[in-house]
Amino acid sequence: MDNLYTVLITAVTVLGSASAFRFYERKMEKKREDEFQYRYDCRDRITKLEALLEESSKEKDELRKMVLNLSVELATLRTKIELLENTKK
């Protein structure tokens, strides 16, 4: 009779251990998948942010050129105005 209890307890323990192992194995796999998903999301966001940064840098350079061109035009117009005012006197 004692042998029967020992066998039953051993069987329950083995089955319980196998179930627990599968549970923790699935839990670890889910955690790994979540980490990979987080990495992929971060990689995508970084790529988008780099593209936005490059685009804004190009836009800033274009605006800087426009300001320089406008400054040159303003200086030219001021010179013309001064010449016109001097010829009227």
PDB file of N, CA and C in Angstrom:
ATOM      1  N   MET A   1       0.813  -1.186   0.000  1.00  0.00           N
ATOM      2  CA  MET A   1       0.000   0.000   0.000  1.00  0.00           C
ATOM      3  C   MET A   1       0.865   1.261   0.000  1.00  0.00           C
ATOM      4  N   ASP A   2       1.958   1.215   0.798  1.00  0.00           N
ATOM      5  CA  ASP A   2       2.841   2.375   0.829  1.00  0.00           C
ATOM      6  C   ASP A   2       3.465   2.623  -0.537  1.00  0.00           C
ATOM      7  N   ASN A   3       3.742   1.528  -1.239  1.00  0.00           N
ATOM      8  CA  ASN A   3       4.320   1.669  -2.580  1.00  0.00           C
ATOM      9  C   ASN A   3       3.348   2.337  -3.532  1.00  0.00           C
ATOM     10  N   LEU A   4       2.062   2.051  -3.371  1.00  0.00           N
ATOM     11  CA  LEU A   4       1.042   2.654  -4.227  1.00  0.00           C
ATOM     12  C   LEU A   4       0.986   4.157  -4.001  1.00  0.00           C
ATOM     13  N   TYR A   5       1.029   4.582  -2.733  1.00  0.00           N
ATOM     14  CA  TYR A   5       1.024   6.010  -2.429  1.00  0.00           C
ATOM     15  C   TYR A   5       2.285   6.685  -2.980  1.00  0.00           C
ATOM     16  N   THR A   6       3.374   6.017  -2.845  1.00  0.00           N
ATOM     17  CA  THR A   6       4.632   6.566  -3.353  1.00  0.00           C
ATOM     18  C   THR A   6       4.568   6.734  -4.864  1.00  0.00           C
ATOM     19  N   VAL A   7       4.032   5.737  -5.539  1.00  0.00           N
ATOM     20  CA  VAL A   7       3.908   5.807  -6.999  1.00  0.00           C
ATOM     21  C   VAL A   7       2.953   6.934  -7.389  1.00  0.00           C
ATOM     22  N   LEU A   8       1.819   7.039  -6.714  1.00  0.00           N
ATOM     23  CA  LEU A   8       0.850   8.098  -7.023  1.00  0.00           C
ATOM     24  C   LEU A   8       1.436   9.485  -6.772  1.00  0.00           C
ATOM     25  N   ILE A   9       2.078   9.652  -5.660  1.00  0.00           N
ATOM     26  CA  ILE A   9       2.688  10.952  -5.336  1.00  0.00           C
ATOM     27  C   ILE A   9       3.764  11.291  -6.355  1.00  0.00           C
ATOM     28  N   THR A  10       4.544  10.312  -6.730  1.00  0.00           N
ATOM     29  CA  THR A  10       5.590  10.533  -7.733  1.00  0.00           C
ATOM     30  C   THR A  10       4.969  10.905  -9.074  1.00  0.00           C
ATOM     31  N   ALA A  11       3.915  10.225  -9.467  1.00  0.00           N
ATOM     32  CA  ALA A  11       3.245  10.507 -10.748  1.00  0.00           C
ATOM     33  C   ALA A  11       2.661  11.910 -10.747  1.00  0.00           C
ATOM     34  N   VAL A  12       2.007  12.292  -9.673  1.00  0.00           N
ATOM     35  CA  VAL A  12       1.424  13.632  -9.571  1.00  0.00           C
ATOM     36  C   VAL A  12       2.529  14.687  -9.602  1.00  0.00           C
ATOM     37  N   THR A  13       3.606  14.418  -8.913  1.00  0.00           N
ATOM     38  CA  THR A  13       4.723  15.360  -8.890  1.00  0.00           C
ATOM     39  C   THR A  13       5.321  15.530 -10.279  1.00  0.00           C
ATOM     40  N   VAL A  14       5.518  14.441 -10.980  1.00  0.00           N
ATOM     41  CA  VAL A  14       6.103  14.496 -12.327  1.00  0.00           C
ATOM     42  C   VAL A  14       5.173  15.241 -13.268  1.00  0.00           C
ATOM     43  N   LEU A  15       3.896  14.902 -13.225  1.00  0.00           N
ATOM     44  CA  LEU A  15       2.935  15.582 -14.097  1.00  0.00           C
ATOM     45  C   LEU A  15       2.832  17.071 -13.764  1.00  0.00           C
ATOM     46  N   GLY A  16       2.829  17.373 -12.484  1.00  0.00           N
ATOM     47  CA  GLY A  16       2.778  18.773 -12.049  1.00  0.00           C
ATOM     48  C   GLY A  16       4.026  19.528 -12.474  1.00  0.00           C
ATOM     49  N   SER A  17       5.166  18.888 -12.387  1.00  0.00           N
ATOM     50  CA  SER A  17       6.415  19.529 -12.780  1.00  0.00           C
ATOM     51  C   SER A  17       6.443  19.790 -14.276  1.00  0.00           C
ATOM     52  N   ALA A  18       5.962  18.829 -15.064  1.00  0.00           N
ATOM     53  CA  ALA A  18       5.929  19.001 -16.518  1.00  0.00           C
ATOM     54  C   ALA A  18       4.991  20.143 -16.890  1.00  0.00           C
ATOM     55  N   SER A  19       3.844  20.213 -16.231  1.00  0.00           N
ATOM     56  CA  SER A  19       2.896  21.299 -16.509  1.00  0.00           C
ATOM     57  C   SER A  19       3.484  22.651 -16.116  1.00  0.00           C
ATOM     58  N   ALA A  20       4.124  22.687 -14.963  1.00  0.00           N
ATOM     59  CA  ALA A  20       4.737  23.934 -14.515  1.00  0.00           C
ATOM     60  C   ALA A  20       5.844  24.351 -15.470  1.00  0.00           C
ATOM     61  N   PHE A  21       6.627  23.393 -15.933  1.00  0.00           N
ATOM     62  CA  PHE A  21       7.699  23.706 -16.874  1.00  0.00           C
ATOM     63  C   PHE A  21       7.132  24.284 -18.166  1.00  0.00           C
ATOM     64  N   ARG A  22       6.083  23.675 -18.709  1.00  0.00           N
ATOM     65  CA  ARG A  22       5.455  24.181 -19.940  1.00  0.00           C
ATOM     66  C   ARG A  22       4.878  25.583 -19.719  1.00  0.00           C
ATOM     67  N   PHE A  23       4.278  25.795 -18.537  1.00  0.00           N
ATOM     68  CA  PHE A  23       3.731  27.117 -18.222  1.00  0.00           C
ATOM     69  C   PHE A  23       4.830  28.170 -18.234  1.00  0.00           C
ATOM     70  N   TYR A  24       5.927  27.920 -17.537  1.00  0.00           N
ATOM     71  CA  TYR A  24       7.010  28.901 -17.472  1.00  0.00           C
ATOM     72  C   TYR A  24       7.705  29.056 -18.828  1.00  0.00           C
ATOM     73  N   GLU A  25       7.746  27.969 -19.582  1.00  0.00           N
ATOM     74  CA  GLU A  25       8.332  28.039 -20.919  1.00  0.00           C
ATOM     75  C   GLU A  25       7.496  28.960 -21.805  1.00  0.00           C
ATOM     76  N   ARG A  26       6.183  28.829 -21.783  1.00  0.00           N
ATOM     77  CA  ARG A  26       5.290  29.706 -22.556  1.00  0.00           C
ATOM     78  C   ARG A  26       5.395  31.145 -22.079  1.00  0.00           C
ATOM     79  N   LYS A  27       5.494  31.306 -20.773  1.00  0.00           N
ATOM     80  CA  LYS A  27       5.598  32.657 -20.205  1.00  0.00           C
ATOM     81  C   LYS A  27       6.882  33.340 -20.682  1.00  0.00           C
ATOM     82  N   MET A  28       7.977  32.620 -20.686  1.00  0.00           N
ATOM     83  CA  MET A  28       9.250  33.181 -21.152  1.00  0.00           C
ATOM     84  C   MET A  28       9.201  33.486 -22.655  1.00  0.00           C
ATOM     85  N   GLU A  29       8.572  32.627 -23.430  1.00  0.00           N
ATOM     86  CA  GLU A  29       8.434  32.854 -24.878  1.00  0.00           C
ATOM     87  C   GLU A  29       7.614  34.116 -25.140  1.00  0.00           C
ATOM     88  N   LYS A  30       6.537  34.284 -24.389  1.00  0.00           N
ATOM     89  CA  LYS A  30       5.703  35.494 -24.530  1.00  0.00           C
ATOM     90  C   LYS A  30       6.509  36.739 -24.181  1.00  0.00           C
ATOM     91  N   LYS A  31       7.300  36.651 -23.135  1.00  0.00           N
ATOM     92  CA  LYS A  31       8.120  37.790 -22.729  1.00  0.00           C
ATOM     93  C   LYS A  31       9.138  38.115 -23.819  1.00  0.00           C
ATOM     94  N   ARG A  32       9.743  37.109 -24.407  1.00  0.00           N
ATOM     95  CA  ARG A  32      10.713  37.299 -25.495  1.00  0.00           C
ATOM     96  C   ARG A  32      10.059  37.964 -26.702  1.00  0.00           C
ATOM     97  N   GLU A  33       8.849  37.493 -27.046  1.00  0.00           N
ATOM     98  CA  GLU A  33       8.117  38.082 -28.169  1.00  0.00           C
ATOM     99  C   GLU A  33       7.797  39.548 -27.906  1.00  0.00           C
ATOM    100  N   ASP A  34       7.392  39.855 -26.681  1.00  0.00           N
ATOM    101  CA  ASP A  34       7.107  41.249 -26.329  1.00  0.00           C
ATOM    102  C   ASP A  34       8.351  42.121 -26.453  1.00  0.00           C
ATOM    103  N   GLU A  35       9.496  41.601 -26.024  1.00  0.00           N
ATOM    104  CA  GLU A  35      10.740  42.362 -26.132  1.00  0.00           C
ATOM    105  C   GLU A  35      11.109  42.610 -27.588  1.00  0.00           C
ATOM    106  N   PHE A  36      10.926  41.597 -28.433  1.00  0.00           N
ATOM    107  CA  PHE A  36      11.221  41.784 -29.858  1.00  0.00           C
ATOM    108  C   PHE A  36      10.270  42.810 -30.471  1.00  0.00           C
ATOM    109  N   GLN A  37       9.006  42.747 -30.101  1.00  0.00           N
ATOM    110  CA  GLN A  37       8.035  43.704 -30.629  1.00  0.00           C
ATOM    111  C   GLN A  37       8.414  45.114 -30.205  1.00  0.00           C
ATOM    112  N   TYR A  38       8.833  45.273 -28.953  1.00  0.00           N
ATOM    113  CA  TYR A  38       9.258  46.587 -28.455  1.00  0.00           C
ATOM    114  C   TYR A  38      10.464  47.086 -29.249  1.00  0.00           C
ATOM    115  N   ARG A  39      11.409  46.205 -29.522  1.00  0.00           N
ATOM    116  CA  ARG A  39      12.587  46.591 -30.303  1.00  0.00           C
ATOM    117  C   ARG A  39      12.204  47.032 -31.705  1.00  0.00           C
ATOM    118  N   TYR A  40      11.318  46.270 -32.345  1.00  0.00           N
ATOM    119  CA  TYR A  40      10.900  46.624 -33.704  1.00  0.00           C
ATOM    120  C   TYR A  40      10.162  47.963 -33.707  1.00  0.00           C
ATOM    121  N   ASP A  41       9.312  48.183 -32.706  1.00  0.00           N
ATOM    122  CA  ASP A  41       8.612  49.466 -32.614  1.00  0.00           C
ATOM    123  C   ASP A  41       9.606  50.613 -32.444  1.00  0.00           C
ATOM    124  N   CYS A  42      10.585  50.412 -31.576  1.00  0.00           N
ATOM    125  CA  CYS A  42      11.598  51.454 -31.359  1.00  0.00           C
ATOM    126  C   CYS A  42      12.400  51.705 -32.636  1.00  0.00           C
ATOM    127  N   ARG A  43      12.755  50.652 -33.322  1.00  0.00           N
ATOM    128  CA  ARG A  43      13.522  50.793 -34.567  1.00  0.00           C
ATOM    129  C   ARG A  43      12.721  51.588 -35.606  1.00  0.00           C
ATOM    130  N   ASP A  44      11.436  51.295 -35.714  1.00  0.00           N
ATOM    131  CA  ASP A  44      10.583  52.027 -36.659  1.00  0.00           C
ATOM    132  C   ASP A  44      10.479  53.500 -36.276  1.00  0.00           C
ATOM    133  N   ARG A  45      10.294  53.756 -34.989  1.00  0.00           N
ATOM    134  CA  ARG A  45      10.185  55.145 -34.533  1.00  0.00           C
ATOM    135  C   ARG A  45      11.480  55.909 -34.775  1.00  0.00           C
ATOM    136  N   ILE A  46      12.611  55.264 -34.533  1.00  0.00           N
ATOM    137  CA  ILE A  46      13.902  55.912 -34.756  1.00  0.00           C
ATOM    138  C   ILE A  46      14.084  56.239 -36.229  1.00  0.00           C
ATOM    139  N   THR A  47      13.697  55.311 -37.099  1.00  0.00           N
ATOM    140  CA  THR A  47      13.808  55.546 -38.538  1.00  0.00           C
ATOM    141  C   THR A  47      12.954  56.743 -38.953  1.00  0.00           C
ATOM    142  N   LYS A  48      11.729  56.802 -38.450  1.00  0.00           N
ATOM    143  CA  LYS A  48      10.846  57.927 -38.773  1.00  0.00           C
ATOM    144  C   LYS A  48      11.411  59.246 -38.243  1.00  0.00           C
ATOM    145  N   LEU A  49      11.926  59.225 -37.029  1.00  0.00           N
ATOM    146  CA  LEU A  49      12.480  60.446 -36.441  1.00  0.00           C
ATOM    147  C   LEU A  49      13.718  60.921 -37.209  1.00  0.00           C
ATOM    148  N   GLU A  50      14.543  59.980 -37.652  1.00  0.00           N
ATOM    149  CA  GLU A  50      15.711  60.360 -38.449  1.00  0.00           C
ATOM    150  C   GLU A  50      15.291  60.991 -39.762  1.00  0.00           C
ATOM    151  N   ALA A  51      14.251  60.455 -40.392  1.00  0.00           N
ATOM    152  CA  ALA A  51      13.754  61.023 -41.647  1.00  0.00           C
ATOM    153  C   ALA A  51      13.207  62.428 -41.418  1.00  0.00           C
ATOM    154  N   LEU A  52      12.466  62.613 -40.329  1.00  0.00           N
ATOM    155  CA  LEU A  52      11.941  63.942 -40.006  1.00  0.00           C
ATOM    156  C   LEU A  52      13.067  64.933 -39.726  1.00  0.00           C
ATOM    157  N   LEU A  53      14.090  64.482 -39.032  1.00  0.00           N
ATOM    158  CA  LEU A  53      15.219  65.349 -38.723  1.00  0.00           C
ATOM    159  C   LEU A  53      15.938  65.776 -39.994  1.00  0.00           C
ATOM    160  N   GLU A  54      16.141  64.848 -40.902  1.00  0.00           N
ATOM    161  CA  GLU A  54      16.808  65.173 -42.162  1.00  0.00           C
ATOM    162  C   GLU A  54      15.960  66.138 -42.983  1.00  0.00           C
ATOM    163  N   GLU A  55      14.654  65.905 -43.010  1.00  0.00           N
ATOM    164  CA  GLU A  55      13.757  66.785 -43.756  1.00  0.00           C
ATOM    165  C   GLU A  55      13.761  68.201 -43.174  1.00  0.00           C
ATOM    166  N   SER A  56      13.720  68.300 -41.848  1.00  0.00           N
ATOM    167  CA  SER A  56      13.720  69.631 -41.231  1.00  0.00           C
ATOM    168  C   SER A  56      15.063  70.322 -41.431  1.00  0.00           C
ATOM    169  N   SER A  57      16.143  69.568 -41.490  1.00  0.00           N
ATOM    170  CA  SER A  57      17.450  70.154 -41.752  1.00  0.00           C
ATOM    171  C   SER A  57      17.503  70.744 -43.152  1.00  0.00           C
ATOM    172  N   LYS A  58      16.970  70.019 -44.141  1.00  0.00           N
ATOM    173  CA  LYS A  58      16.924  70.530 -45.509  1.00  0.00           C
ATOM    174  C   LYS A  58      16.053  71.776 -45.586  1.00  0.00           C
ATOM    175  N   GLU A  59      14.915  71.726 -44.899  1.00  0.00           N
ATOM    176  CA  GLU A  59      14.010  72.879 -44.896  1.00  0.00           C
ATOM    177  C   GLU A  59      14.689  74.089 -44.255  1.00  0.00           C
ATOM    178  N   LYS A  60      15.427  73.862 -43.188  1.00  0.00           N
ATOM    179  CA  LYS A  60      16.131  74.954 -42.522  1.00  0.00           C
ATOM    180  C   LYS A  60      17.174  75.572 -43.451  1.00  0.00           C
ATOM    181  N   ASP A  61      17.892  74.733 -44.187  1.00  0.00           N
ATOM    182  CA  ASP A  61      18.887  75.245 -45.133  1.00  0.00           C
ATOM    183  C   ASP A  61      18.233  76.074 -46.232  1.00  0.00           C
ATOM    184  N   GLU A  62      17.083  75.600 -46.735  1.00  0.00           N
ATOM    185  CA  GLU A  62      16.361  76.354 -47.759  1.00  0.00           C
ATOM    186  C   GLU A  62      15.894  77.698 -47.225  1.00  0.00           C
ATOM    187  N   LEU A  63      15.365  77.712 -46.009  1.00  0.00           N
ATOM    188  CA  LEU A  63      14.917  78.965 -45.406  1.00  0.00           C
ATOM    189  C   LEU A  63      16.087  79.917 -45.181  1.00  0.00           C
ATOM    190  N   ARG A  64      17.237  79.376 -44.795  1.00  0.00           N
ATOM    191  CA  ARG A  64      18.426  80.207 -44.599  1.00  0.00           C
ATOM    192  C   ARG A  64      18.833  80.859 -45.921  1.00  0.00           C
ATOM    193  N   LYS A  65      18.786  80.104 -47.026  1.00  0.00           N
ATOM    194  CA  LYS A  65      19.114  80.663 -48.342  1.00  0.00           C
ATOM    195  C   LYS A  65      18.123  81.755 -48.725  1.00  0.00           C
ATOM    196  N   MET A  66      16.853  81.514 -48.424  1.00  0.00           N
ATOM    197  CA  MET A  66      15.839  82.525 -48.725  1.00  0.00           C
ATOM    198  C   MET A  66      16.095  83.809 -47.949  1.00  0.00           C
ATOM    199  N   VAL A  67      16.448  83.687 -46.686  1.00  0.00           N
ATOM    200  CA  VAL A  67      16.738  84.876 -45.869  1.00  0.00           C
ATOM    201  C   VAL A  67      17.945  85.621 -46.434  1.00  0.00           C
ATOM    202  N   LEU A  68      18.969  84.881 -46.842  1.00  0.00           N
ATOM    203  CA  LEU A  68      20.137  85.535 -47.426  1.00  0.00           C
ATOM    204  C   LEU A  68      19.769  86.258 -48.716  1.00  0.00           C
ATOM    205  N   ASN A  69      18.971  85.633 -49.563  1.00  0.00           N
ATOM    206  CA  ASN A  69      18.541  86.277 -50.808  1.00  0.00           C
ATOM    207  C   ASN A  69      17.712  87.529 -50.528  1.00  0.00           C
ATOM    208  N   LEU A  70      16.821  87.435 -49.559  1.00  0.00           N
ATOM    209  CA  LEU A  70      16.014  88.605 -49.192  1.00  0.00           C
ATOM    210  C   LEU A  70      16.875  89.718 -48.618  1.00  0.00           C
ATOM    211  N   SER A  71      17.892  89.357 -47.859  1.00  0.00           N
ATOM    212  CA  SER A  71      18.807  90.376 -47.317  1.00  0.00           C
ATOM    213  C   SER A  71      19.549  91.090 -48.433  1.00  0.00           C
ATOM    214  N   VAL A  72      19.979  90.342 -49.438  1.00  0.00           N
ATOM    215  CA  VAL A  72      20.668  90.944 -50.583  1.00  0.00           C
ATOM    216  C   VAL A  72      19.717  91.872 -51.336  1.00  0.00           C
ATOM    217  N   GLU A  73      18.485  91.418 -51.566  1.00  0.00           N
ATOM    218  CA  GLU A  73      17.504  92.257 -52.252  1.00  0.00           C
ATOM    219  C   GLU A  73      17.203  93.523 -51.454  1.00  0.00           C
ATOM    220  N   LEU A  74      17.083  93.382 -50.140  1.00  0.00           N
ATOM    221  CA  LEU A  74      16.829  94.542 -49.286  1.00  0.00           C
ATOM    222  C   LEU A  74      17.968  95.539 -49.379  1.00  0.00           C
ATOM    223  N   ALA A  75      19.204  95.047 -49.328  1.00  0.00           N
ATOM    224  CA  ALA A  75      20.358  95.951 -49.429  1.00  0.00           C
ATOM    225  C   ALA A  75      20.365  96.654 -50.786  1.00  0.00           C
ATOM    226  N   THR A  76      20.016  95.930 -51.836  1.00  0.00           N
ATOM    227  CA  THR A  76      19.960  96.524 -53.177  1.00  0.00           C
ATOM    228  C   THR A  76      18.886  97.603 -53.241  1.00  0.00           C
ATOM    229  N   LEU A  77      17.729  97.318 -52.712  1.00  0.00           N
ATOM    230  CA  LEU A  77      16.641  98.301 -52.719  1.00  0.00           C
ATOM    231  C   LEU A  77      16.988  99.534 -51.887  1.00  0.00           C
ATOM    232  N   ARG A  78      17.633  99.346 -50.760  1.00  0.00           N
ATOM    233  CA  ARG A  78      18.059 100.495 -49.939  1.00  0.00           C
ATOM    234  C   ARG A  78      19.035 101.377 -50.710  1.00  0.00           C
ATOM    235  N   THR A  79      19.946 100.721 -51.399  1.00  0.00           N
ATOM    236  CA  THR A  79      20.917 101.480 -52.191  1.00  0.00           C
ATOM    237  C   THR A  79      20.207 102.271 -53.283  1.00  0.00           C
ATOM    238  N   LYS A  80      19.255 101.652 -53.963  1.00  0.00           N
ATOM    239  CA  LYS A  80      18.513 102.348 -55.012  1.00  0.00           C
ATOM    240  C   LYS A  80      17.727 103.523 -54.448  1.00  0.00           C
ATOM    241  N   ILE A  81      17.106 103.311 -53.288  1.00  0.00           N
ATOM    242  CA  ILE A  81      16.345 104.388 -52.655  1.00  0.00           C
ATOM    243  C   ILE A  81      17.271 105.548 -52.298  1.00  0.00           C
ATOM    244  N   GLU A  82      18.429 105.247 -51.741  1.00  0.00           N
ATOM    245  CA  GLU A  82      19.390 106.295 -51.398  1.00  0.00           C
ATOM    246  C   GLU A  82      19.831 107.056 -52.637  1.00  0.00           C
ATOM    247  N   LEU A  83      20.070 106.350 -53.725  1.00  0.00           N
ATOM    248  CA  LEU A  83      20.473 107.010 -54.971  1.00  0.00           C
ATOM    249  C   LEU A  83      19.360 107.882 -55.517  1.00  0.00           C
ATOM    250  N   LEU A  84      18.130 107.396 -55.455  1.00  0.00           N
ATOM    251  CA  LEU A  84      16.989 108.199 -55.926  1.00  0.00           C
ATOM    252  C   LEU A  84      16.795 109.434 -55.060  1.00  0.00           C
ATOM    253  N   GLU A  85      16.942 109.275 -53.744  1.00  0.00           N
ATOM    254  CA  GLU A  85      16.790 110.430 -52.850  1.00  0.00           C
ATOM    255  C   GLU A  85      17.902 111.446 -53.094  1.00  0.00           C
ATOM    256  N   ASN A  86      19.118 110.988 -53.369  1.00  0.00           N
ATOM    257  CA  ASN A  86      20.236 111.891 -53.613  1.00  0.00           C
ATOM    258  C   ASN A  86      20.070 112.624 -54.938  1.00  0.00           C
ATOM    259  N   THR A  87      19.493 112.000 -55.923  1.00  0.00           N
ATOM    260  CA  THR A  87      19.311 112.657 -57.238  1.00  0.00           C
ATOM    261  C   THR A  87      18.190 113.695 -57.167  1.00  0.00           C
ATOM    262  N   LYS A  88      17.223 113.555 -56.260  1.00  0.00           N
ATOM    263  CA  LYS A  88      16.136 114.505 -56.124  1.00  0.00           C
ATOM    264  C   LYS A  88      16.622 115.783 -55.465  1.00  0.00           C
ATOM    265  N   LYS A  89      17.643 115.725 -54.678  1.00  0.00           N
ATOM    266  CA  LYS A  89      18.117 116.903 -53.926  1.00  0.00           C
ATOM    267  C   LYS A  89      18.858 117.810 -54.776  1.00  0.00           C
TER     268      LYS A  89
END
